[in-house]
PDB file of all heavy atoms in Angstrom:
ATOM      1  N   GLY A   1      18.121  -6.414   5.686  1.00  0.00           N
ATOM      2  CA  GLY A   1      18.187  -5.076   5.120  1.00  0.00           C
ATOM      3  C   GLY A   1      17.518  -4.953   3.770  1.00  0.00           C
ATOM      4  O   GLY A   1      17.757  -3.988   3.034  1.00  0.00           O
ATOM      5  N   GLU A   2      16.651  -5.904   3.449  1.00  0.00           N
ATOM      6  CA  GLU A   2      15.991  -5.893   2.140  1.00  0.00           C
ATOM      7  C   GLU A   2      14.725  -5.043   2.125  1.00  0.00           C
ATOM      8  O   GLU A   2      14.275  -4.624   1.054  1.00  0.00           O
ATOM      9  CB  GLU A   2      15.643  -7.321   1.711  1.00  0.00           C
ATOM     10  CG  GLU A   2      16.832  -8.272   1.665  1.00  0.00           C
ATOM     11  CD  GLU A   2      17.921  -7.819   0.704  1.00  0.00           C
ATOM     12  OE1 GLU A   2      17.622  -7.068  -0.247  1.00  0.00           O
ATOM     13  OE2 GLU A   2      19.076  -8.224   0.907  1.00  0.00           O
ATOM     14  N   VAL A   3      14.138  -4.804   3.291  1.00  0.00           N
ATOM     15  CA  VAL A   3      12.933  -3.986   3.368  1.00  0.00           C
ATOM     16  C   VAL A   3      13.138  -2.851   4.358  1.00  0.00           C
ATOM     17  O   VAL A   3      13.966  -2.937   5.276  1.00  0.00           O
ATOM     18  CB  VAL A   3      11.698  -4.825   3.776  1.00  0.00           C
ATOM     19  CG1 VAL A   3      11.363  -5.838   2.700  1.00  0.00           C
ATOM     20  CG2 VAL A   3      11.920  -5.502   5.119  1.00  0.00           C
ATOM     21  N   ALA A   4      12.392  -1.783   4.160  1.00  0.00           N
ATOM     22  CA  ALA A   4      12.514  -0.584   4.994  1.00  0.00           C
ATOM     23  C   ALA A   4      11.372  -0.504   5.995  1.00  0.00           C
ATOM     24  O   ALA A   4      10.297  -1.079   5.777  1.00  0.00           O
ATOM     25  CB  ALA A   4      12.506   0.663   4.105  1.00  0.00           C
ATOM     26  N   PRO A   5      11.583   0.211   7.090  1.00  0.00           N
ATOM     27  CA  PRO A   5      10.460   0.476   7.984  1.00  0.00           C
ATOM     28  C   PRO A   5       9.357   1.198   7.206  1.00  0.00           C
ATOM     29  O   PRO A   5       9.639   1.924   6.242  1.00  0.00           O
ATOM     30  CB  PRO A   5      11.062   1.387   9.061  1.00  0.00           C
ATOM     31  CG  PRO A   5      12.530   1.166   8.983  1.00  0.00           C
ATOM     32  CD  PRO A   5      12.823   0.859   7.545  1.00  0.00           C
ATOM     33  N   VAL A   6       8.119   1.011   7.628  1.00  0.00           N
ATOM     34  CA  VAL A   6       6.989   1.640   6.949  1.00  0.00           C
ATOM     35  C   VAL A   6       6.487   2.814   7.784  1.00  0.00           C
ATOM     36  O   VAL A   6       6.270   2.689   8.984  1.00  0.00           O
ATOM     37  CB  VAL A   6       5.845   0.629   6.726  1.00  0.00           C
ATOM     38  CG1 VAL A   6       4.591   1.339   6.230  1.00  0.00           C
ATOM     39  CG2 VAL A   6       6.274  -0.443   5.744  1.00  0.00           C
ATOM     40  N   ASN A   7       6.323   3.942   7.128  1.00  0.00           N
ATOM     41  CA  ASN A   7       5.724   5.104   7.779  1.00  0.00           C
ATOM     42  C   ASN A   7       4.210   4.937   7.703  1.00  0.00           C
ATOM     43  O   ASN A   7       3.584   5.262   6.706  1.00  0.00           O
ATOM     44  CB  ASN A   7       6.160   6.388   7.079  1.00  0.00           C
ATOM     45  CG  ASN A   7       5.691   7.639   7.809  1.00  0.00           C
ATOM     46  OD1 ASN A   7       4.777   7.581   8.637  1.00  0.00           O
ATOM     47  ND2 ASN A   7       6.299   8.771   7.503  1.00  0.00           N
ATOM     48  N   THR A   8       3.633   4.406   8.764  1.00  0.00           N
ATOM     49  CA  THR A   8       2.202   4.108   8.740  1.00  0.00           C
ATOM     50  C   THR A   8       1.342   5.360   8.659  1.00  0.00           C
ATOM     51  O   THR A   8       0.161   5.281   8.295  1.00  0.00           O
ATOM     52  CB  THR A   8       1.798   3.276   9.972  1.00  0.00           C
ATOM     53  OG1 THR A   8       2.163   3.976  11.165  1.00  0.00           O
ATOM     54  CG2 THR A   8       2.502   1.919   9.953  1.00  0.00           C
ATOM     55  N   ASP A   9       1.920   6.524   8.972  1.00  0.00           N
ATOM     56  CA  ASP A   9       1.172   7.775   8.839  1.00  0.00           C
ATOM     57  C   ASP A   9       0.843   8.066   7.374  1.00  0.00           C
ATOM     58  O   ASP A   9      -0.069   8.850   7.078  1.00  0.00           O
ATOM     59  CB  ASP A   9       1.970   8.944   9.420  1.00  0.00           C
ATOM     60  CG  ASP A   9       2.067   8.877  10.935  1.00  0.00           C
ATOM     61  OD1 ASP A   9       1.243   8.191  11.556  1.00  0.00           O
ATOM     62  OD2 ASP A   9       2.992   9.514  11.495  1.00  0.00           O
ATOM     63  N   LEU A  10       1.598   7.442   6.467  1.00  0.00           N
ATOM     64  CA  LEU A  10       1.381   7.655   5.037  1.00  0.00           C
ATOM     65  C   LEU A  10       0.418   6.625   4.447  1.00  0.00           C
ATOM     66  O   LEU A  10       0.148   6.636   3.249  1.00  0.00           O
ATOM     67  CB  LEU A  10       2.719   7.597   4.289  1.00  0.00           C
ATOM     68  CG  LEU A  10       3.803   8.575   4.765  1.00  0.00           C
ATOM     69  CD1 LEU A  10       5.058   8.413   3.914  1.00  0.00           C
ATOM     70  CD2 LEU A  10       3.301  10.004   4.724  1.00  0.00           C
ATOM     71  N   VAL A  11      -0.068   5.728   5.290  1.00  0.00           N
ATOM     72  CA  VAL A  11      -1.002   4.684   4.855  1.00  0.00           C
ATOM     73  C   VAL A  11      -2.304   4.916   5.610  1.00  0.00           C
ATOM     74  O   VAL A  11      -2.510   4.423   6.718  1.00  0.00           O
ATOM     75  CB  VAL A  11      -0.433   3.282   5.145  1.00  0.00           C
ATOM     76  CG1 VAL A  11      -1.381   2.196   4.639  1.00  0.00           C
ATOM     77  CG2 VAL A  11       0.945   3.117   4.501  1.00  0.00           C
ATOM     78  N   SER A  12      -3.192   5.678   5.015  1.00  0.00           N
ATOM     79  CA  SER A  12      -4.378   6.138   5.731  1.00  0.00           C
ATOM     80  C   SER A  12      -5.269   4.994   6.215  1.00  0.00           C
ATOM     81  O   SER A  12      -5.939   5.116   7.243  1.00  0.00           O
ATOM     82  CB  SER A  12      -5.187   7.094   4.846  1.00  0.00           C
ATOM     83  OG  SER A  12      -5.622   6.448   3.655  1.00  0.00           O
ATOM     84  N   ASN A  13      -5.283   3.888   5.501  1.00  0.00           N
ATOM     85  CA  ASN A  13      -6.145   2.772   5.898  1.00  0.00           C
ATOM     86  C   ASN A  13      -5.562   1.939   7.043  1.00  0.00           C
ATOM     87  O   ASN A  13      -6.249   1.076   7.587  1.00  0.00           O
ATOM     88  CB  ASN A  13      -6.416   1.864   4.699  1.00  0.00           C
ATOM     89  CG  ASN A  13      -7.357   2.507   3.689  1.00  0.00           C
ATOM     90  OD1 ASN A  13      -8.430   2.982   4.038  1.00  0.00           O
ATOM     91  ND2 ASN A  13      -6.936   2.553   2.432  1.00  0.00           N
ATOM     92  N   TYR A  14      -4.325   2.216   7.419  1.00  0.00           N
ATOM     93  CA  TYR A  14      -3.685   1.451   8.487  1.00  0.00           C
ATOM     94  C   TYR A  14      -4.441   1.581   9.805  1.00  0.00           C
ATOM     95  O   TYR A  14      -4.499   0.640  10.599  1.00  0.00           O
ATOM     96  CB  TYR A  14      -2.242   1.900   8.666  1.00  0.00           C
ATOM     97  CG  TYR A  14      -1.458   1.115   9.702  1.00  0.00           C
ATOM     98  CD1 TYR A  14      -0.977  -0.160   9.412  1.00  0.00           C
ATOM     99  CD2 TYR A  14      -1.192   1.647  10.962  1.00  0.00           C
ATOM    100  CE1 TYR A  14      -0.254  -0.887  10.350  1.00  0.00           C
ATOM    101  CE2 TYR A  14      -0.471   0.925  11.908  1.00  0.00           C
ATOM    102  CZ  TYR A  14      -0.002  -0.338  11.597  1.00  0.00           C
ATOM    103  OH  TYR A  14       0.703  -1.051  12.535  1.00  0.00           O
ATOM    104  N   LYS A  15      -5.044   2.741  10.028  1.00  0.00           N
ATOM    105  CA  LYS A  15      -5.759   2.977  11.289  1.00  0.00           C
ATOM    106  C   LYS A  15      -6.902   2.002  11.497  1.00  0.00           C
ATOM    107  O   LYS A  15      -7.340   1.760  12.631  1.00  0.00           O
ATOM    108  CB  LYS A  15      -6.284   4.414  11.332  1.00  0.00           C
ATOM    109  CG  LYS A  15      -7.393   4.727  10.334  1.00  0.00           C
ATOM    110  CD  LYS A  15      -7.831   6.165  10.413  1.00  0.00           C
ATOM    111  CE  LYS A  15      -9.009   6.459   9.475  1.00  0.00           C
ATOM    112  NZ  LYS A  15      -8.702   6.142   8.063  1.00  0.00           N
ATOM    113  N   ASP A  16      -7.412   1.422  10.399  1.00  0.00           N
ATOM    114  CA  ASP A  16      -8.555   0.527  10.486  1.00  0.00           C
ATOM    115  C   ASP A  16      -8.166  -0.950  10.497  1.00  0.00           C
ATOM    116  O   ASP A  16      -9.024  -1.824  10.487  1.00  0.00           O
ATOM    117  CB  ASP A  16      -9.510   0.792   9.320  1.00  0.00           C
ATOM    118  CG  ASP A  16     -10.095   2.193   9.371  1.00  0.00           C
ATOM    119  OD1 ASP A  16     -10.482   2.623  10.470  1.00  0.00           O
ATOM    120  OD2 ASP A  16     -10.151   2.852   8.313  1.00  0.00           O
ATOM    121  N   VAL A  17      -6.859  -1.226  10.538  1.00  0.00           N
ATOM    122  CA  VAL A  17      -6.389  -2.606  10.625  1.00  0.00           C
ATOM    123  C   VAL A  17      -6.652  -3.125  12.039  1.00  0.00           C
ATOM    124  O   VAL A  17      -6.481  -2.406  13.026  1.00  0.00           O
ATOM    125  CB  VAL A  17      -4.884  -2.691  10.291  1.00  0.00           C
ATOM    126  CG1 VAL A  17      -4.323  -4.072  10.644  1.00  0.00           C
ATOM    127  CG2 VAL A  17      -4.651  -2.386   8.815  1.00  0.00           C
ATOM    128  N   PHE A  18      -7.070  -4.382  12.139  1.00  0.00           N
ATOM    129  CA  PHE A  18      -7.303  -4.983  13.445  1.00  0.00           C
ATOM    130  C   PHE A  18      -6.057  -4.847  14.316  1.00  0.00           C
ATOM    131  O   PHE A  18      -4.939  -5.120  13.859  1.00  0.00           O
ATOM    132  CB  PHE A  18      -7.649  -6.469  13.299  1.00  0.00           C
ATOM    133  CG  PHE A  18      -9.029  -6.724  12.767  1.00  0.00           C
ATOM    134  CD1 PHE A  18      -9.211  -7.199  11.476  1.00  0.00           C
ATOM    135  CD2 PHE A  18     -10.145  -6.510  13.558  1.00  0.00           C
ATOM    136  CE1 PHE A  18     -10.483  -7.458  10.984  1.00  0.00           C
ATOM    137  CE2 PHE A  18     -11.425  -6.759  13.081  1.00  0.00           C
ATOM    138  CZ  PHE A  18     -11.600  -7.226  11.785  1.00  0.00           C
ATOM    139  N   ASP A  19      -6.239  -4.436  15.556  1.00  0.00           N
ATOM    140  CA  ASP A  19      -5.106  -4.273  16.467  1.00  0.00           C
ATOM    141  C   ASP A  19      -4.341  -5.574  16.654  1.00  0.00           C
ATOM    142  O   ASP A  19      -3.133  -5.560  16.899  1.00  0.00           O
ATOM    143  CB  ASP A  19      -5.587  -3.767  17.824  1.00  0.00           C
ATOM    144  CG  ASP A  19      -6.050  -2.311  17.774  1.00  0.00           C
ATOM    145  OD1 ASP A  19      -5.647  -1.596  16.830  1.00  0.00           O
ATOM    146  OD2 ASP A  19      -6.806  -1.899  18.677  1.00  0.00           O
ATOM    147  N   GLY A  20      -5.041  -6.694  16.525  1.00  0.00           N
ATOM    148  CA  GLY A  20      -4.394  -7.989  16.698  1.00  0.00           C
ATOM    149  C   GLY A  20      -3.367  -8.311  15.634  1.00  0.00           C
ATOM    150  O   GLY A  20      -2.642  -9.302  15.754  1.00  0.00           O
ATOM    151  N   LEU A  21      -3.283  -7.487  14.589  1.00  0.00           N
ATOM    152  CA  LEU A  21      -2.304  -7.698  13.530  1.00  0.00           C
ATOM    153  C   LEU A  21      -1.204  -6.646  13.508  1.00  0.00           C
ATOM    154  O   LEU A  21      -0.235  -6.779  12.752  1.00  0.00           O
ATOM    155  CB  LEU A  21      -3.011  -7.700  12.163  1.00  0.00           C
ATOM    156  CG  LEU A  21      -3.798  -8.965  11.826  1.00  0.00           C
ATOM    157  CD1 LEU A  21      -4.667  -8.731  10.592  1.00  0.00           C
ATOM    158  CD2 LEU A  21      -2.862 -10.133  11.602  1.00  0.00           C
ATOM    159  N   LYS A  22      -1.325  -5.626  14.330  1.00  0.00           N
ATOM    160  CA  LYS A  22      -0.352  -4.533  14.310  1.00  0.00           C
ATOM    161  C   LYS A  22       0.818  -4.793  15.250  1.00  0.00           C
ATOM    162  O   LYS A  22       0.644  -5.312  16.353  1.00  0.00           O
ATOM    163  CB  LYS A  22      -1.031  -3.217  14.719  1.00  0.00           C
ATOM    164  CG  LYS A  22      -2.035  -2.690  13.717  1.00  0.00           C
ATOM    165  CD  LYS A  22      -2.646  -1.372  14.214  1.00  0.00           C
ATOM    166  CE  LYS A  22      -3.607  -0.771  13.219  1.00  0.00           C
ATOM    167  NZ  LYS A  22      -4.229   0.467  13.710  1.00  0.00           N
ATOM    168  N   LEU A  23       2.015  -4.406  14.792  1.00  0.00           N
ATOM    169  CA  LEU A  23       3.224  -4.438  15.609  1.00  0.00           C
ATOM    170  C   LEU A  23       3.442  -5.791  16.275  1.00  0.00           C
ATOM    171  O   LEU A  23       3.685  -5.886  17.474  1.00  0.00           O
ATOM    172  CB  LEU A  23       3.190  -3.322  16.657  1.00  0.00           C
ATOM    173  CG  LEU A  23       3.181  -1.886  16.098  1.00  0.00           C
ATOM    174  CD1 LEU A  23       3.068  -0.880  17.227  1.00  0.00           C
ATOM    175  CD2 LEU A  23       4.428  -1.622  15.258  1.00  0.00           C
ATOM    176  N   LYS A  24       3.361  -6.838  15.455  1.00  0.00           N
ATOM    177  CA  LYS A  24       3.645  -8.182  15.930  1.00  0.00           C
ATOM    178  C   LYS A  24       5.086  -8.562  15.607  1.00  0.00           C
ATOM    179  O   LYS A  24       5.766  -7.893  14.833  1.00  0.00           O
ATOM    180  CB  LYS A  24       2.653  -9.170  15.313  1.00  0.00           C
ATOM    181  CG  LYS A  24       1.206  -8.891  15.725  1.00  0.00           C
ATOM    182  CD  LYS A  24       1.046  -8.894  17.234  1.00  0.00           C
ATOM    183  CE  LYS A  24      -0.372  -8.580  17.655  1.00  0.00           C
ATOM    184  NZ  LYS A  24      -0.526  -8.541  19.124  1.00  0.00           N
ATOM    185  N   GLN A  25       5.527  -9.672  16.182  1.00  0.00           N
ATOM    186  CA  GLN A  25       6.939 -10.024  16.054  1.00  0.00           C
ATOM    187  C   GLN A  25       7.348 -10.309  14.619  1.00  0.00           C
ATOM    188  O   GLN A  25       8.501 -10.159  14.258  1.00  0.00           O
ATOM    189  CB  GLN A  25       7.266 -11.225  16.950  1.00  0.00           C
ATOM    190  CG  GLN A  25       8.762 -11.460  17.108  1.00  0.00           C
ATOM    191  CD  GLN A  25       9.075 -12.621  18.017  1.00  0.00           C
ATOM    192  OE1 GLN A  25       8.190 -13.333  18.465  1.00  0.00           O
ATOM    193  NE2 GLN A  25      10.347 -12.827  18.289  1.00  0.00           N
ATOM    194  N   TRP A  26       6.383 -10.733  13.782  1.00  0.00           N
ATOM    195  CA  TRP A  26       6.722 -11.045  12.400  1.00  0.00           C
ATOM    196  C   TRP A  26       6.635  -9.829  11.469  1.00  0.00           C
ATOM    197  O   TRP A  26       6.992  -9.929  10.303  1.00  0.00           O
ATOM    198  CB  TRP A  26       5.834 -12.170  11.871  1.00  0.00           C
ATOM    199  CG  TRP A  26       4.374 -11.843  11.844  1.00  0.00           C
ATOM    200  CD1 TRP A  26       3.683 -11.238  10.823  1.00  0.00           C
ATOM    201  CD2 TRP A  26       3.423 -12.088  12.873  1.00  0.00           C
ATOM    202  NE1 TRP A  26       2.365 -11.086  11.166  1.00  0.00           N
ATOM    203  CE2 TRP A  26       2.169 -11.608  12.417  1.00  0.00           C
ATOM    204  CE3 TRP A  26       3.497 -12.663  14.147  1.00  0.00           C
ATOM    205  CZ2 TRP A  26       1.014 -11.688  13.180  1.00  0.00           C
ATOM    206  CZ3 TRP A  26       2.337 -12.746  14.903  1.00  0.00           C
ATOM    207  CH2 TRP A  26       1.121 -12.268  14.425  1.00  0.00           C
ATOM    208  N   ASN A  27       6.153  -8.664  11.960  1.00  0.00           N
ATOM    209  CA  ASN A  27       6.078  -7.497  11.068  1.00  0.00           C
ATOM    210  C   ASN A  27       6.589  -6.215  11.716  1.00  0.00           C
ATOM    211  O   ASN A  27       6.322  -5.123  11.213  1.00  0.00           O
ATOM    212  CB  ASN A  27       4.645  -7.289  10.555  1.00  0.00           C
ATOM    213  CG  ASN A  27       3.619  -7.083  11.672  1.00  0.00           C
ATOM    214  OD1 ASN A  27       3.943  -6.595  12.753  1.00  0.00           O
ATOM    215  ND2 ASN A  27       2.377  -7.447  11.399  1.00  0.00           N
ATOM    216  N   SER A  28       7.344  -6.348  12.811  1.00  0.00           N
ATOM    217  CA  SER A  28       7.883  -5.163  13.468  1.00  0.00           C
ATOM    218  C   SER A  28       9.117  -5.532  14.277  1.00  0.00           C
ATOM    219  O   SER A  28       9.353  -6.709  14.575  1.00  0.00           O
ATOM    220  CB  SER A  28       6.837  -4.534  14.400  1.00  0.00           C
ATOM    221  OG  SER A  28       6.602  -5.387  15.517  1.00  0.00           O
ATOM    222  N   VAL A  29       9.885  -4.523  14.628  1.00  0.00           N
ATOM    223  CA  VAL A  29      11.038  -4.687  15.518  1.00  0.00           C
ATOM    224  C   VAL A  29      11.090  -3.468  16.430  1.00  0.00           C
ATOM    225  O   VAL A  29      11.060  -2.331  15.951  1.00  0.00           O
ATOM    226  CB  VAL A  29      12.365  -4.805  14.729  1.00  0.00           C
ATOM    227  CG1 VAL A  29      13.554  -4.888  15.703  1.00  0.00           C
ATOM    228  CG2 VAL A  29      12.355  -6.037  13.830  1.00  0.00           C
ATOM    229  N   ASP A  30      11.144  -3.693  17.723  1.00  0.00           N
ATOM    230  CA  ASP A  30      11.214  -2.598  18.694  1.00  0.00           C
ATOM    231  C   ASP A  30      10.121  -1.555  18.466  1.00  0.00           C
ATOM    232  O   ASP A  30      10.374  -0.354  18.462  1.00  0.00           O
ATOM    233  CB  ASP A  30      12.590  -1.932  18.658  1.00  0.00           C
ATOM    234  CG  ASP A  30      13.680  -2.845  19.209  1.00  0.00           C
ATOM    235  OD1 ASP A  30      13.359  -3.730  20.023  1.00  0.00           O
ATOM    236  OD2 ASP A  30      14.844  -2.684  18.815  1.00  0.00           O
ATOM    237  N   GLN A  31       8.898  -2.047  18.237  1.00  0.00           N
ATOM    238  CA  GLN A  31       7.733  -1.198  18.046  1.00  0.00           C
ATOM    239  C   GLN A  31       7.785  -0.336  16.776  1.00  0.00           C
ATOM    240  O   GLN A  31       7.051   0.647  16.638  1.00  0.00           O
ATOM    241  CB  GLN A  31       7.509  -0.294  19.262  1.00  0.00           C
ATOM    242  CG  GLN A  31       7.183  -1.051  20.543  1.00  0.00           C
ATOM    243  CD  GLN A  31       5.850  -1.777  20.442  1.00  0.00           C
ATOM    244  OE1 GLN A  31       4.803  -1.155  20.325  1.00  0.00           O
ATOM    245  NE2 GLN A  31       5.873  -3.098  20.495  1.00  0.00           N
ATOM    246  N   VAL A  32       8.650  -0.704  15.853  1.00  0.00           N
ATOM    247  CA  VAL A  32       8.722  -0.033  14.553  1.00  0.00           C
ATOM    248  C   VAL A  32       8.099  -0.951  13.511  1.00  0.00           C
ATOM    249  O   VAL A  32       8.525  -2.104  13.347  1.00  0.00           O
ATOM    250  CB  VAL A  32      10.176   0.288  14.160  1.00  0.00           C
ATOM    251  CG1 VAL A  32      10.229   0.859  12.743  1.00  0.00           C
ATOM    252  CG2 VAL A  32      10.786   1.255  15.161  1.00  0.00           C
ATOM    253  N   ALA A  33       7.071  -0.462  12.825  1.00  0.00           N
ATOM    254  CA  ALA A  33       6.387  -1.271  11.812  1.00  0.00           C
ATOM    255  C   ALA A  33       7.253  -1.443  10.575  1.00  0.00           C
ATOM    256  O   ALA A  33       7.828  -0.475  10.068  1.00  0.00           O
ATOM    257  CB  ALA A  33       5.064  -0.619  11.432  1.00  0.00           C
TER     258      ALA A  33
END
């Protein structure tokens, strides 16, 4: 509970992140970034 989910819609550069790094087990839970 030390970090909050991230609203990726508020991070405009997120769309250009390699898909291979998005929503992985070490940075997401149940498809929530």
